[in-house]
Amino acid sequence: MSEPTTGWTGGKNAFGDFAPAMVHYTDKVLFDEVWERPGLSPRDRSLITVAALTALGKTEQLNFHLAYARKNGVTEEELKETILQLAFYTGWPNGMSAMTVAKNLFDTTDNGEPTS
């Protein structure tokens, strides 16, 4: 794509030179291209991502994406309600695990803002 990029460096920060292909696909394709597409707002993309990660039990990735959802305008209350709703459709253990990640994240923030 010839559109401007966001300059995302999460992949680079996570992997440096260890996994250059993972860095490329994370930073350039996923965040510079997919997340910036006009069809959905970043807020909606965050809610969808939190839902998918909760459903799949990918709690390690939820640490980042719950905080990112906050930056994209999703409130703490909306995230808790999202996880509660998902618990009934994706399995109670997945909901409990996701809510634990959310609680730990929100408990370590100042006024609801990620401490990152």
N, C-alpha and C. Protein backbone atom coordinates (compact mmCIF):
# COMPACT_ATOMS: atom_id res chain seq x y z
N MET A 1 0.84 -1.18 0.00
CA MET A 1 0.00 0.00 0.00
C MET A 1 0.88 1.23 0.00
N SER A 2 0.43 2.27 -0.64
CA SER A 2 1.22 3.49 -0.71
C SER A 2 0.74 4.53 0.29
N GLU A 3 -0.21 4.18 1.16
CA GLU A 3 -0.71 5.10 2.15
C GLU A 3 0.33 5.31 3.24
N PRO A 4 0.25 6.44 3.96
CA PRO A 4 1.21 6.67 5.04
C PRO A 4 1.07 5.61 6.13
N THR A 5 2.17 5.36 6.81
CA THR A 5 2.16 4.37 7.87
C THR A 5 2.05 5.05 9.22
N THR A 6 1.67 4.29 10.23
CA THR A 6 1.53 4.83 11.58
C THR A 6 2.87 4.90 12.29
N GLY A 7 3.86 4.21 11.76
CA GLY A 7 5.14 4.17 12.44
C GLY A 7 5.13 3.22 13.62
N TRP A 8 4.22 2.27 13.62
CA TRP A 8 4.10 1.30 14.70
C TRP A 8 5.41 0.54 14.86
N THR A 9 5.85 0.35 16.09
CA THR A 9 7.11 -0.36 16.35
C THR A 9 6.96 -1.44 17.41
N GLY A 10 5.74 -1.88 17.68
CA GLY A 10 5.52 -2.91 18.69
C GLY A 10 6.25 -4.20 18.40
N GLY A 11 6.25 -4.62 17.14
CA GLY A 11 6.97 -5.83 16.77
C GLY A 11 8.47 -5.66 16.96
N LYS A 12 8.97 -4.52 16.55
CA LYS A 12 10.40 -4.23 16.70
C LYS A 12 10.78 -4.18 18.17
N ASN A 13 9.90 -3.57 18.98
CA ASN A 13 10.17 -3.51 20.43
C ASN A 13 10.17 -4.89 21.05
N ALA A 14 9.29 -5.77 20.57
CA ALA A 14 9.18 -7.11 21.15
C ALA A 14 10.29 -8.04 20.70
N PHE A 15 10.67 -7.95 19.43
CA PHE A 15 11.58 -8.95 18.88
C PHE A 15 12.90 -8.42 18.36
N GLY A 16 13.03 -7.11 18.20
CA GLY A 16 14.27 -6.55 17.69
C GLY A 16 14.70 -7.23 16.41
N ASP A 17 15.94 -7.71 16.38
CA ASP A 17 16.46 -8.40 15.20
C ASP A 17 16.26 -9.92 15.27
N PHE A 18 15.65 -10.42 16.34
CA PHE A 18 15.49 -11.85 16.54
C PHE A 18 14.59 -12.49 15.49
N ALA A 19 13.49 -11.83 15.14
CA ALA A 19 12.51 -12.39 14.19
C ALA A 19 12.06 -11.30 13.23
N PRO A 20 12.90 -10.95 12.26
CA PRO A 20 12.59 -9.82 11.37
C PRO A 20 11.29 -9.98 10.60
N ALA A 21 10.94 -11.20 10.21
CA ALA A 21 9.69 -11.38 9.47
C ALA A 21 8.49 -11.09 10.38
N MET A 22 8.55 -11.55 11.64
CA MET A 22 7.47 -11.27 12.59
C MET A 22 7.35 -9.77 12.83
N VAL A 23 8.47 -9.09 12.94
CA VAL A 23 8.48 -7.64 13.11
C VAL A 23 7.80 -6.98 11.91
N HIS A 24 8.19 -7.38 10.71
CA HIS A 24 7.62 -6.80 9.50
C HIS A 24 6.11 -6.97 9.44
N TYR A 25 5.64 -8.20 9.63
CA TYR A 25 4.21 -8.46 9.50
C TYR A 25 3.41 -7.80 10.63
N THR A 26 3.99 -7.72 11.81
CA THR A 26 3.30 -7.05 12.92
C THR A 26 3.23 -5.55 12.69
N ASP A 27 4.37 -4.94 12.42
CA ASP A 27 4.43 -3.49 12.34
C ASP A 27 3.89 -2.93 11.02
N LYS A 28 4.29 -3.51 9.93
CA LYS A 28 3.92 -2.95 8.62
C LYS A 28 2.59 -3.44 8.09
N VAL A 29 2.33 -4.73 8.22
CA VAL A 29 1.09 -5.28 7.65
C VAL A 29 -0.06 -5.13 8.65
N LEU A 30 0.07 -5.73 9.83
CA LEU A 30 -1.05 -5.73 10.77
C LEU A 30 -1.41 -4.32 11.24
N PHE A 31 -0.44 -3.59 11.80
CA PHE A 31 -0.79 -2.29 12.37
C PHE A 31 -0.78 -1.15 11.37
N ASP A 32 0.14 -1.13 10.41
CA ASP A 32 0.14 -0.04 9.43
C ASP A 32 -0.92 -0.21 8.35
N GLU A 33 -1.27 -1.43 8.00
CA GLU A 33 -2.24 -1.64 6.92
C GLU A 33 -3.61 -2.07 7.46
N VAL A 34 -3.68 -3.19 8.13
CA VAL A 34 -4.98 -3.73 8.54
C VAL A 34 -5.67 -2.81 9.55
N TRP A 35 -4.98 -2.42 10.61
CA TRP A 35 -5.61 -1.59 11.64
C TRP A 35 -5.99 -0.21 11.11
N GLU A 36 -5.37 0.23 10.03
CA GLU A 36 -5.64 1.57 9.49
C GLU A 36 -6.65 1.58 8.36
N ARG A 37 -7.21 0.43 8.02
CA ARG A 37 -8.22 0.39 6.95
C ARG A 37 -9.44 1.20 7.37
N PRO A 38 -10.12 1.81 6.41
CA PRO A 38 -11.24 2.69 6.74
C PRO A 38 -12.54 1.98 7.11
N GLY A 39 -12.67 0.69 6.92
CA GLY A 39 -13.94 0.00 7.12
C GLY A 39 -14.43 -0.07 8.55
N LEU A 40 -13.54 -0.04 9.53
CA LEU A 40 -13.90 -0.07 10.94
C LEU A 40 -13.06 0.94 11.69
N SER A 41 -13.62 1.47 12.76
CA SER A 41 -12.85 2.40 13.60
C SER A 41 -11.85 1.60 14.44
N PRO A 42 -10.78 2.26 14.90
CA PRO A 42 -9.85 1.57 15.81
C PRO A 42 -10.57 1.04 17.05
N ARG A 43 -11.56 1.76 17.54
CA ARG A 43 -12.34 1.32 18.70
C ARG A 43 -13.03 -0.01 18.41
N ASP A 44 -13.70 -0.09 17.26
CA ASP A 44 -14.37 -1.33 16.88
C ASP A 44 -13.38 -2.46 16.67
N ARG A 45 -12.25 -2.17 16.04
CA ARG A 45 -11.23 -3.19 15.84
C ARG A 45 -10.72 -3.71 17.18
N SER A 46 -10.57 -2.82 18.16
CA SER A 46 -10.13 -3.24 19.48
C SER A 46 -11.15 -4.16 20.14
N LEU A 47 -12.43 -3.82 20.08
CA LEU A 47 -13.45 -4.68 20.67
C LEU A 47 -13.47 -6.06 20.01
N ILE A 48 -13.34 -6.08 18.70
CA ILE A 48 -13.31 -7.35 17.97
C ILE A 48 -12.09 -8.17 18.38
N THR A 49 -10.95 -7.51 18.52
CA THR A 49 -9.72 -8.20 18.88
C THR A 49 -9.81 -8.76 20.30
N VAL A 50 -10.33 -7.97 21.24
CA VAL A 50 -10.50 -8.45 22.61
C VAL A 50 -11.44 -9.65 22.62
N ALA A 51 -12.51 -9.58 21.83
CA ALA A 51 -13.45 -10.71 21.76
C ALA A 51 -12.77 -11.96 21.22
N ALA A 52 -12.01 -11.83 20.15
CA ALA A 52 -11.34 -12.99 19.56
C ALA A 52 -10.32 -13.58 20.52
N LEU A 53 -9.53 -12.73 21.16
CA LEU A 53 -8.50 -13.22 22.08
C LEU A 53 -9.13 -13.89 23.30
N THR A 54 -10.23 -13.34 23.78
CA THR A 54 -10.94 -13.96 24.90
C THR A 54 -11.47 -15.32 24.48
N ALA A 55 -12.11 -15.38 23.33
CA ALA A 55 -12.70 -16.63 22.85
C ALA A 55 -11.64 -17.71 22.68
N LEU A 56 -10.46 -17.32 22.25
CA LEU A 56 -9.39 -18.28 22.01
C LEU A 56 -8.54 -18.55 23.25
N GLY A 57 -8.79 -17.82 24.33
CA GLY A 57 -8.01 -18.02 25.54
C GLY A 57 -6.59 -17.49 25.45
N LYS A 58 -6.36 -16.49 24.62
CA LYS A 58 -5.01 -15.95 24.41
C LYS A 58 -4.74 -14.79 25.37
N THR A 59 -4.64 -15.13 26.65
CA THR A 59 -4.53 -14.09 27.66
C THR A 59 -3.23 -13.29 27.60
N GLU A 60 -2.16 -13.91 27.14
CA GLU A 60 -0.90 -13.15 27.04
C GLU A 60 -1.06 -11.96 26.10
N GLN A 61 -1.76 -12.14 25.00
CA GLN A 61 -1.99 -11.05 24.06
C GLN A 61 -3.02 -10.05 24.59
N LEU A 62 -3.91 -10.50 25.47
CA LEU A 62 -4.90 -9.59 26.06
C LEU A 62 -4.24 -8.50 26.88
N ASN A 63 -3.11 -8.77 27.49
CA ASN A 63 -2.41 -7.73 28.26
C ASN A 63 -2.21 -6.49 27.42
N PHE A 64 -1.74 -6.65 26.20
CA PHE A 64 -1.54 -5.51 25.32
C PHE A 64 -2.86 -4.97 24.80
N HIS A 65 -3.74 -5.85 24.32
CA HIS A 65 -4.92 -5.39 23.60
C HIS A 65 -5.99 -4.75 24.49
N LEU A 66 -6.05 -5.11 25.76
CA LEU A 66 -6.96 -4.39 26.65
C LEU A 66 -6.49 -2.95 26.86
N ALA A 67 -5.20 -2.77 27.06
CA ALA A 67 -4.65 -1.41 27.19
C ALA A 67 -4.81 -0.63 25.89
N TYR A 68 -4.58 -1.31 24.77
CA TYR A 68 -4.72 -0.64 23.46
C TYR A 68 -6.18 -0.25 23.21
N ALA A 69 -7.10 -1.09 23.65
CA ALA A 69 -8.52 -0.77 23.51
C ALA A 69 -8.84 0.51 24.28
N ARG A 70 -8.27 0.66 25.45
CA ARG A 70 -8.47 1.90 26.24
C ARG A 70 -7.98 3.11 25.46
N LYS A 71 -6.80 2.97 24.85
CA LYS A 71 -6.26 4.07 24.04
C LYS A 71 -7.15 4.37 22.84
N ASN A 72 -7.89 3.35 22.38
CA ASN A 72 -8.78 3.52 21.23
C ASN A 72 -10.20 3.92 21.63
N GLY A 73 -10.39 4.29 22.89
CA GLY A 73 -11.65 4.85 23.32
C GLY A 73 -12.64 3.90 23.98
N VAL A 74 -12.26 2.66 24.22
CA VAL A 74 -13.14 1.72 24.91
C VAL A 74 -12.94 1.92 26.41
N THR A 75 -14.03 2.07 27.14
CA THR A 75 -13.92 2.31 28.58
C THR A 75 -13.68 1.00 29.33
N GLU A 76 -13.20 1.15 30.56
CA GLU A 76 -12.98 -0.01 31.42
C GLU A 76 -14.30 -0.76 31.62
N GLU A 77 -15.38 -0.04 31.85
CA GLU A 77 -16.69 -0.67 32.04
C GLU A 77 -17.13 -1.42 30.80
N GLU A 78 -16.90 -0.85 29.62
CA GLU A 78 -17.26 -1.54 28.37
C GLU A 78 -16.46 -2.82 28.20
N LEU A 79 -15.19 -2.77 28.57
CA LEU A 79 -14.35 -3.97 28.45
C LEU A 79 -14.81 -5.05 29.43
N LYS A 80 -15.15 -4.67 30.64
CA LYS A 80 -15.64 -5.66 31.60
C LYS A 80 -16.96 -6.27 31.12
N GLU A 81 -17.85 -5.46 30.59
CA GLU A 81 -19.12 -5.97 30.07
C GLU A 81 -18.90 -6.87 28.85
N THR A 82 -17.94 -6.51 28.01
CA THR A 82 -17.61 -7.32 26.84
C THR A 82 -17.14 -8.70 27.28
N ILE A 83 -16.25 -8.73 28.25
CA ILE A 83 -15.72 -10.01 28.74
C ILE A 83 -16.82 -10.83 29.40
N LEU A 84 -17.68 -10.19 30.19
CA LEU A 84 -18.79 -10.91 30.82
C LEU A 84 -19.70 -11.54 29.76
N GLN A 85 -20.05 -10.77 28.76
CA GLN A 85 -20.89 -11.29 27.66
C GLN A 85 -20.21 -12.48 26.98
N LEU A 86 -18.94 -12.33 26.72
CA LEU A 86 -18.19 -13.39 26.05
C LEU A 86 -18.08 -14.66 26.88
N ALA A 87 -18.05 -14.52 28.20
CA ALA A 87 -17.91 -15.70 29.06
C ALA A 87 -19.02 -16.72 28.80
N PHE A 88 -20.21 -16.25 28.49
CA PHE A 88 -21.34 -17.15 28.25
C PHE A 88 -21.28 -17.80 26.88
N TYR A 89 -20.58 -17.21 25.96
CA TYR A 89 -20.53 -17.73 24.60
C TYR A 89 -19.21 -18.43 24.27
N THR A 90 -18.16 -18.11 25.01
CA THR A 90 -16.85 -18.67 24.68
C THR A 90 -16.32 -19.61 25.76
N GLY A 91 -17.07 -19.78 26.83
CA GLY A 91 -16.67 -20.65 27.91
C GLY A 91 -16.28 -19.86 29.14
N TRP A 92 -16.81 -20.30 30.28
CA TRP A 92 -16.55 -19.60 31.53
C TRP A 92 -15.07 -19.49 31.85
N PRO A 93 -14.26 -20.54 31.67
CA PRO A 93 -12.83 -20.40 31.97
C PRO A 93 -12.16 -19.30 31.13
N ASN A 94 -12.52 -19.18 29.86
CA ASN A 94 -11.94 -18.11 29.04
C ASN A 94 -12.35 -16.73 29.57
N GLY A 95 -13.61 -16.61 29.97
CA GLY A 95 -14.07 -15.35 30.54
C GLY A 95 -13.38 -15.02 31.84
N MET A 96 -13.24 -16.02 32.70
CA MET A 96 -12.56 -15.81 33.98
C MET A 96 -11.10 -15.41 33.77
N SER A 97 -10.43 -16.07 32.84
CA SER A 97 -9.03 -15.74 32.56
C SER A 97 -8.90 -14.33 32.00
N ALA A 98 -9.78 -13.97 31.06
CA ALA A 98 -9.74 -12.62 30.48
C ALA A 98 -10.04 -11.56 31.53
N MET A 99 -11.02 -11.84 32.41
CA MET A 99 -11.36 -10.86 33.45
C MET A 99 -10.21 -10.70 34.43
N THR A 100 -9.48 -11.77 34.70
CA THR A 100 -8.31 -11.69 35.58
C THR A 100 -7.25 -10.79 34.97
N VAL A 101 -7.02 -10.93 33.66
CA VAL A 101 -6.06 -10.06 32.97
C VAL A 101 -6.53 -8.61 33.07
N ALA A 102 -7.82 -8.38 32.82
CA ALA A 102 -8.36 -7.02 32.88
C ALA A 102 -8.21 -6.44 34.29
N LYS A 103 -8.56 -7.22 35.30
CA LYS A 103 -8.44 -6.74 36.68
C LYS A 103 -7.00 -6.36 37.00
N ASN A 104 -6.07 -7.23 36.67
CA ASN A 104 -4.66 -6.95 36.93
C ASN A 104 -4.19 -5.71 36.19
N LEU A 105 -4.62 -5.55 34.96
CA LEU A 105 -4.23 -4.38 34.17
C LEU A 105 -4.85 -3.11 34.75
N PHE A 106 -6.15 -3.15 35.02
CA PHE A 106 -6.84 -1.95 35.50
C PHE A 106 -6.41 -1.58 36.91
N ASP A 107 -6.03 -2.57 37.72
CA ASP A 107 -5.54 -2.29 39.06
C ASP A 107 -4.18 -1.61 39.06
N THR A 108 -3.43 -1.73 37.96
CA THR A 108 -2.09 -1.13 37.90
C THR A 108 -2.07 0.16 37.11
N THR A 109 -3.25 0.73 36.86
CA THR A 109 -3.30 1.97 36.11
C THR A 109 -3.64 3.12 37.03
N ASP A 110 -3.29 4.30 36.58
CA ASP A 110 -3.57 5.52 37.32
C ASP A 110 -4.72 6.23 36.64
N ASN A 111 -5.85 6.34 37.31
CA ASN A 111 -7.04 6.97 36.74
C ASN A 111 -7.50 6.28 35.45
N GLY A 112 -7.30 4.99 35.36
CA GLY A 112 -7.77 4.25 34.21
C GLY A 112 -6.89 4.32 32.98
N GLU A 113 -5.79 5.03 33.04
CA GLU A 113 -4.90 5.14 31.89
C GLU A 113 -3.77 4.12 32.02
N PRO A 114 -3.45 3.43 30.92
CA PRO A 114 -2.35 2.45 30.99
C PRO A 114 -1.07 3.11 31.45
N THR A 115 -0.33 2.40 32.29
CA THR A 115 0.93 2.94 32.81
C THR A 115 2.07 2.78 31.83
N SER A 116 1.86 1.99 30.78
CA SER A 116 2.89 1.69 29.76
C SER A 116 4.01 2.67 29.84
